[in-house]
Amino acid sequence: MQLSGLHWCCRYFISIFAFMEKQIINTQNAPAPIGPYNQAIKAGNTLYISGQIALNPATGELVKSGVVDETHLVMKNLQAILTEAGMSFNDVVKSTIFITDMNTFAQINEVYGSYFTGTYPARETVQVSALPKGVNVEISVIAVKG
C-alpha cells in the first residue's frame, strides 16, 4: 500500500485499520443466522452485532405472543452475543431499532430501557413496512470495550 503521498494522520489511521483483525463471534445461546452473515464481528475493541429478532435459540421457533415478549427475547439474544464477546449492555454505544408499527414504540422502549443500568447508548428507531419472518421488532447494536 503506497502511503507516502498522504498526510501523516491519514497514514496513521490507515495503518491502524489495515491491520485490524476481524473476529467472528457466534454463540449457541442466540439464534443462528438465517442468511449469509454472522451474529457479530469484533474488530479491535468494537463489536458489531447483527440485527436480532425474536427467535428462540433453543428451538429455532419465533416468539409472536406480542411485542413485549418479542422485545425481551431480542434483548436476551443480544445479551447472549455480548456475553460471548466479553461485553455487556454497559458497553453498547449505538442501537438501531426497526419496528413495523410506531404505535408499539412505548412498549418496546420500556422493555429496551430495562436492560441498561448505566448510560443509554445513542439510538434511532425506524418504522419499516416488514421485517424478516414477519416479526414486529429487530434490534442491532454496536458495543465498544474501553
C-alpha atoms as a PDB file:
ATOM      1  CA  MET A   1       0.000   0.000   0.000  1.00  0.00           C
ATOM      2  CA  GLN A   2       1.512   3.356  -1.057  1.00  0.00           C
ATOM      3  CA  LEU A   3       1.114   5.823   1.838  1.00  0.00           C
ATOM      4  CA  SER A   4       3.950   8.303   1.195  1.00  0.00           C
ATOM      5  CA  GLY A   5       1.762  10.918  -0.535  1.00  0.00           C
ATOM      6  CA  LEU A   6      -0.798  11.075   2.273  1.00  0.00           C
ATOM      7  CA  HIS A   7      -0.897  13.393   5.270  1.00  0.00           C
ATOM      8  CA  TRP A   8       0.756  11.843   8.348  1.00  0.00           C
ATOM      9  CA  CYS A   9      -2.548  11.430  10.247  1.00  0.00           C
ATOM     10  CA  CYS A  10      -4.166   9.670   7.257  1.00  0.00           C
ATOM     11  CA  ARG A  11      -1.176   7.309   7.081  1.00  0.00           C
ATOM     12  CA  TYR A  12      -1.521   6.666  10.827  1.00  0.00           C
ATOM     13  CA  PHE A  13      -5.227   5.742  10.695  1.00  0.00           C
ATOM     14  CA  ILE A  14      -4.838   3.649   7.560  1.00  0.00           C
ATOM     15  CA  SER A  15      -2.014   1.710   9.191  1.00  0.00           C
ATOM     16  CA  ILE A  16      -4.153   1.028  12.272  1.00  0.00           C
ATOM     17  CA  PHE A  17      -7.265  -0.113  10.403  1.00  0.00           C
ATOM     18  CA  ALA A  18      -5.451  -2.007   7.650  1.00  0.00           C
ATOM     19  CA  PHE A  19      -4.078  -4.498  10.148  1.00  0.00           C
ATOM     20  CA  MET A  20      -7.074  -4.775  12.492  1.00  0.00           C
ATOM     21  CA  GLU A  21      -8.219  -8.378  12.631  1.00  0.00           C
ATOM     22  CA  LYS A  22     -11.861  -9.287  12.421  1.00  0.00           C
ATOM     23  CA  GLN A  23     -13.063 -11.941  14.835  1.00  0.00           C
ATOM     24  CA  ILE A  24     -16.326 -13.762  14.204  1.00  0.00           C
ATOM     25  CA  ILE A  25     -18.491 -14.019  17.310  1.00  0.00           C
ATOM     26  CA  ASN A  26     -21.125 -16.759  17.431  1.00  0.00           C
ATOM     27  CA  THR A  27     -22.881 -18.408  20.354  1.00  0.00           C
ATOM     28  CA  GLN A  28     -25.431 -21.183  20.639  1.00  0.00           C
ATOM     29  CA  ASN A  29     -27.219 -19.005  23.212  1.00  0.00           C
ATOM     30  CA  ALA A  30     -28.546 -16.780  20.415  1.00  0.00           C
ATOM     31  CA  PRO A  31     -30.282 -17.776  17.178  1.00  0.00           C
ATOM     32  CA  ALA A  32     -28.127 -18.998  14.328  1.00  0.00           C
ATOM     33  CA  PRO A  33     -28.046 -16.584  11.382  1.00  0.00           C
ATOM     34  CA  ILE A  34     -30.805 -17.110   8.833  1.00  0.00           C
ATOM     35  CA  GLY A  35     -28.713 -15.840   5.936  1.00  0.00           C
ATOM     36  CA  PRO A  36     -25.141 -15.163   4.796  1.00  0.00           C
ATOM     37  CA  TYR A  37     -23.966 -13.212   7.856  1.00  0.00           C
ATOM     38  CA  ASN A  38     -22.607 -13.764  11.379  1.00  0.00           C
ATOM     39  CA  GLN A  39     -24.174 -12.987  14.721  1.00  0.00           C
ATOM     40  CA  ALA A  40     -21.406 -10.458  15.327  1.00  0.00           C
ATOM     41  CA  ILE A  41     -17.994  -9.276  14.205  1.00  0.00           C
ATOM     42  CA  LYS A  42     -15.407  -7.905  16.609  1.00  0.00           C
ATOM     43  CA  ALA A  43     -12.828  -5.543  15.104  1.00  0.00           C
ATOM     44  CA  GLY A  44     -10.335  -4.315  17.658  1.00  0.00           C
ATOM     45  CA  ASN A  45     -12.336  -3.348  20.722  1.00  0.00           C
ATOM     46  CA  THR A  46     -15.557  -2.729  18.761  1.00  0.00           C
ATOM     47  CA  LEU A  47     -18.335  -5.305  18.419  1.00  0.00           C
ATOM     48  CA  TYR A  48     -20.917  -5.070  15.624  1.00  0.00           C
ATOM     49  CA  ILE A  49     -23.957  -7.243  16.360  1.00  0.00           C
ATOM     50  CA  SER A  50     -26.284  -8.134  13.511  1.00  0.00           C
ATOM     51  CA  GLY A  51     -29.976  -7.389  13.884  1.00  0.00           C
ATOM     52  CA  GLN A  52     -31.654  -9.840  16.235  1.00  0.00           C
ATOM     53  CA  ILE A  53     -35.262 -10.925  16.040  1.00  0.00           C
ATOM     54  CA  ALA A  54     -37.458 -12.946  18.405  1.00  0.00           C
ATOM     55  CA  LEU A  55     -36.144 -16.392  17.527  1.00  0.00           C
ATOM     56  CA  ASN A  56     -35.794 -18.804  20.431  1.00  0.00           C
ATOM     57  CA  PRO A  57     -32.189 -20.058  20.187  1.00  0.00           C
ATOM     58  CA  ALA A  58     -33.048 -23.438  21.750  1.00  0.00           C
ATOM     59  CA  THR A  59     -35.928 -24.302  19.425  1.00  0.00           C
ATOM     60  CA  GLY A  60     -35.496 -22.011  16.431  1.00  0.00           C
ATOM     61  CA  GLU A  61     -39.151 -21.044  16.843  1.00  0.00           C
ATOM     62  CA  LEU A  62     -40.443 -17.500  16.547  1.00  0.00           C
ATOM     63  CA  VAL A  63     -41.972 -15.861  19.596  1.00  0.00           C
ATOM     64  CA  LYS A  64     -45.013 -13.992  18.348  1.00  0.00           C
ATOM     65  CA  SER A  65     -47.004 -13.601  21.557  1.00  0.00           C
ATOM     66  CA  GLY A  66     -46.809  -9.824  21.457  1.00  0.00           C
ATOM     67  CA  VAL A  67     -44.313  -7.029  21.057  1.00  0.00           C
ATOM     68  CA  VAL A  68     -43.296  -7.054  24.756  1.00  0.00           C
ATOM     69  CA  ASP A  69     -42.332 -10.748  24.669  1.00  0.00           C
ATOM     70  CA  GLU A  70     -40.638 -10.298  21.303  1.00  0.00           C
ATOM     71  CA  THR A  71     -38.574  -7.374  22.570  1.00  0.00           C
ATOM     72  CA  HIS A  72     -37.500  -9.265  25.710  1.00  0.00           C
ATOM     73  CA  LEU A  73     -36.278 -12.184  23.593  1.00  0.00           C
ATOM     74  CA  VAL A  74     -34.481  -9.866  21.173  1.00  0.00           C
ATOM     75  CA  MET A  75     -32.690  -8.212  24.107  1.00  0.00           C
ATOM     76  CA  LYS A  76     -31.797 -11.618  25.607  1.00  0.00           C
ATOM     77  CA  ASN A  77     -30.377 -12.702  22.249  1.00  0.00           C
ATOM     78  CA  LEU A  78     -28.289  -9.514  22.100  1.00  0.00           C
ATOM     79  CA  GLN A  79     -27.167 -10.103  25.690  1.00  0.00           C
ATOM     80  CA  ALA A  80     -26.012 -13.632  24.843  1.00  0.00           C
ATOM     81  CA  ILE A  81     -23.865 -12.329  21.988  1.00  0.00           C
ATOM     82  CA  LEU A  82     -22.470  -9.502  24.115  1.00  0.00           C
ATOM     83  CA  THR A  83     -21.586 -12.026  26.833  1.00  0.00           C
ATOM     84  CA  GLU A  84     -19.870 -14.323  24.322  1.00  0.00           C
ATOM     85  CA  ALA A  85     -17.709 -11.350  23.293  1.00  0.00           C
ATOM     86  CA  GLY A  86     -16.902 -10.458  26.927  1.00  0.00           C
ATOM     87  CA  MET A  87     -19.136  -7.406  26.924  1.00  0.00           C
ATOM     88  CA  SER A  88     -22.439  -6.229  28.393  1.00  0.00           C
ATOM     89  CA  PHE A  89     -25.154  -3.677  27.696  1.00  0.00           C
ATOM     90  CA  ASN A  90     -22.966  -1.144  29.545  1.00  0.00           C
ATOM     91  CA  ASP A  91     -20.559  -1.354  26.571  1.00  0.00           C
ATOM     92  CA  VAL A  92     -23.236  -0.592  23.951  1.00  0.00           C
ATOM     93  CA  VAL A  93     -22.672   2.786  22.286  1.00  0.00           C
ATOM     94  CA  LYS A  94     -25.234   2.610  19.454  1.00  0.00           C
ATOM     95  CA  SER A  95     -28.528   0.812  18.857  1.00  0.00           C
ATOM     96  CA  THR A  96     -30.786   0.644  15.858  1.00  0.00           C
ATOM     97  CA  ILE A  97     -34.366  -0.488  16.385  1.00  0.00           C
ATOM     98  CA  PHE A  98     -36.595  -1.436  13.481  1.00  0.00           C
ATOM     99  CA  ILE A  99     -40.315  -1.759  14.196  1.00  0.00           C
ATOM    100  CA  THR A 100     -43.306  -2.425  11.979  1.00  0.00           C
ATOM    101  CA  ASP A 101     -45.751  -0.252  13.932  1.00  0.00           C
ATOM    102  CA  MET A 102     -44.765   3.035  15.597  1.00  0.00           C
ATOM    103  CA  ASN A 103     -47.802   2.630  17.875  1.00  0.00           C
ATOM    104  CA  THR A 104     -45.812  -0.072  19.725  1.00  0.00           C
ATOM    105  CA  PHE A 105     -42.872   2.279  20.353  1.00  0.00           C
ATOM    106  CA  ALA A 106     -43.691   2.929  24.026  1.00  0.00           C
ATOM    107  CA  GLN A 107     -43.917  -0.793  24.863  1.00  0.00           C
ATOM    108  CA  ILE A 108     -40.686  -1.595  23.020  1.00  0.00           C
ATOM    109  CA  ASN A 109     -38.937   1.402  24.569  1.00  0.00           C
ATOM    110  CA  GLU A 110     -39.892   0.332  28.108  1.00  0.00           C
ATOM    111  CA  VAL A 111     -38.514  -3.189  27.637  1.00  0.00           C
ATOM    112  CA  TYR A 112     -35.402  -1.942  25.817  1.00  0.00           C
ATOM    113  CA  GLY A 113     -34.606   0.593  28.544  1.00  0.00           C
ATOM    114  CA  SER A 114     -34.865  -2.008  31.302  1.00  0.00           C
ATOM    115  CA  TYR A 115     -31.718  -3.779  30.023  1.00  0.00           C
ATOM    116  CA  PHE A 116     -29.443  -0.761  30.574  1.00  0.00           C
ATOM    117  CA  THR A 117     -28.146   0.217  34.008  1.00  0.00           C
ATOM    118  CA  GLY A 118     -25.534   2.816  33.102  1.00  0.00           C
ATOM    119  CA  THR A 119     -25.793   5.466  30.477  1.00  0.00           C
ATOM    120  CA  TYR A 120     -28.016   4.812  27.492  1.00  0.00           C
ATOM    121  CA  PRO A 121     -26.445   4.433  24.042  1.00  0.00           C
ATOM    122  CA  ALA A 122     -27.156   6.595  21.025  1.00  0.00           C
ATOM    123  CA  ARG A 123     -30.125   5.201  19.135  1.00  0.00           C
ATOM    124  CA  GLU A 124     -32.602   5.543  16.352  1.00  0.00           C
ATOM    125  CA  THR A 125     -35.931   3.816  15.967  1.00  0.00           C
ATOM    126  CA  VAL A 126     -37.284   3.372  12.464  1.00  0.00           C
ATOM    127  CA  GLN A 127     -40.658   2.114  11.314  1.00  0.00           C
ATOM    128  CA  VAL A 128     -40.386  -0.268   8.366  1.00  0.00           C
ATOM    129  CA  SER A 129     -43.037  -1.968   6.264  1.00  0.00           C
ATOM    130  CA  ALA A 130     -41.868  -5.501   7.077  1.00  0.00           C
ATOM    131  CA  LEU A 131     -39.158  -7.454   8.912  1.00  0.00           C
ATOM    132  CA  PRO A 132     -37.747 -10.970   8.447  1.00  0.00           C
ATOM    133  CA  LYS A 133     -40.156 -13.800   9.244  1.00  0.00           C
ATOM    134  CA  GLY A 134     -42.941 -11.285   9.900  1.00  0.00           C
ATOM    135  CA  VAL A 135     -41.629 -10.169  13.315  1.00  0.00           C
ATOM    136  CA  ASN A 136     -42.529  -6.827  14.858  1.00  0.00           C
ATOM    137  CA  VAL A 137     -39.096  -5.729  16.126  1.00  0.00           C
ATOM    138  CA  GLU A 138     -35.436  -6.137  15.167  1.00  0.00           C
ATOM    139  CA  ILE A 139     -32.528  -4.575  17.042  1.00  0.00           C
ATOM    140  CA  SER A 140     -28.839  -4.291  16.182  1.00  0.00           C
ATOM    141  CA  VAL A 141     -26.130  -2.777  18.386  1.00  0.00           C
ATOM    142  CA  ILE A 142     -22.536  -1.625  18.342  1.00  0.00           C
ATOM    143  CA  ALA A 143     -20.510  -2.047  21.540  1.00  0.00           C
ATOM    144  CA  VAL A 144     -17.039  -0.817  22.481  1.00  0.00           C
ATOM    145  CA  LYS A 145     -14.911  -2.281  25.255  1.00  0.00           C
ATOM    146  CA  GLY A 146     -12.986   0.609  26.740  1.00  0.00           C
END
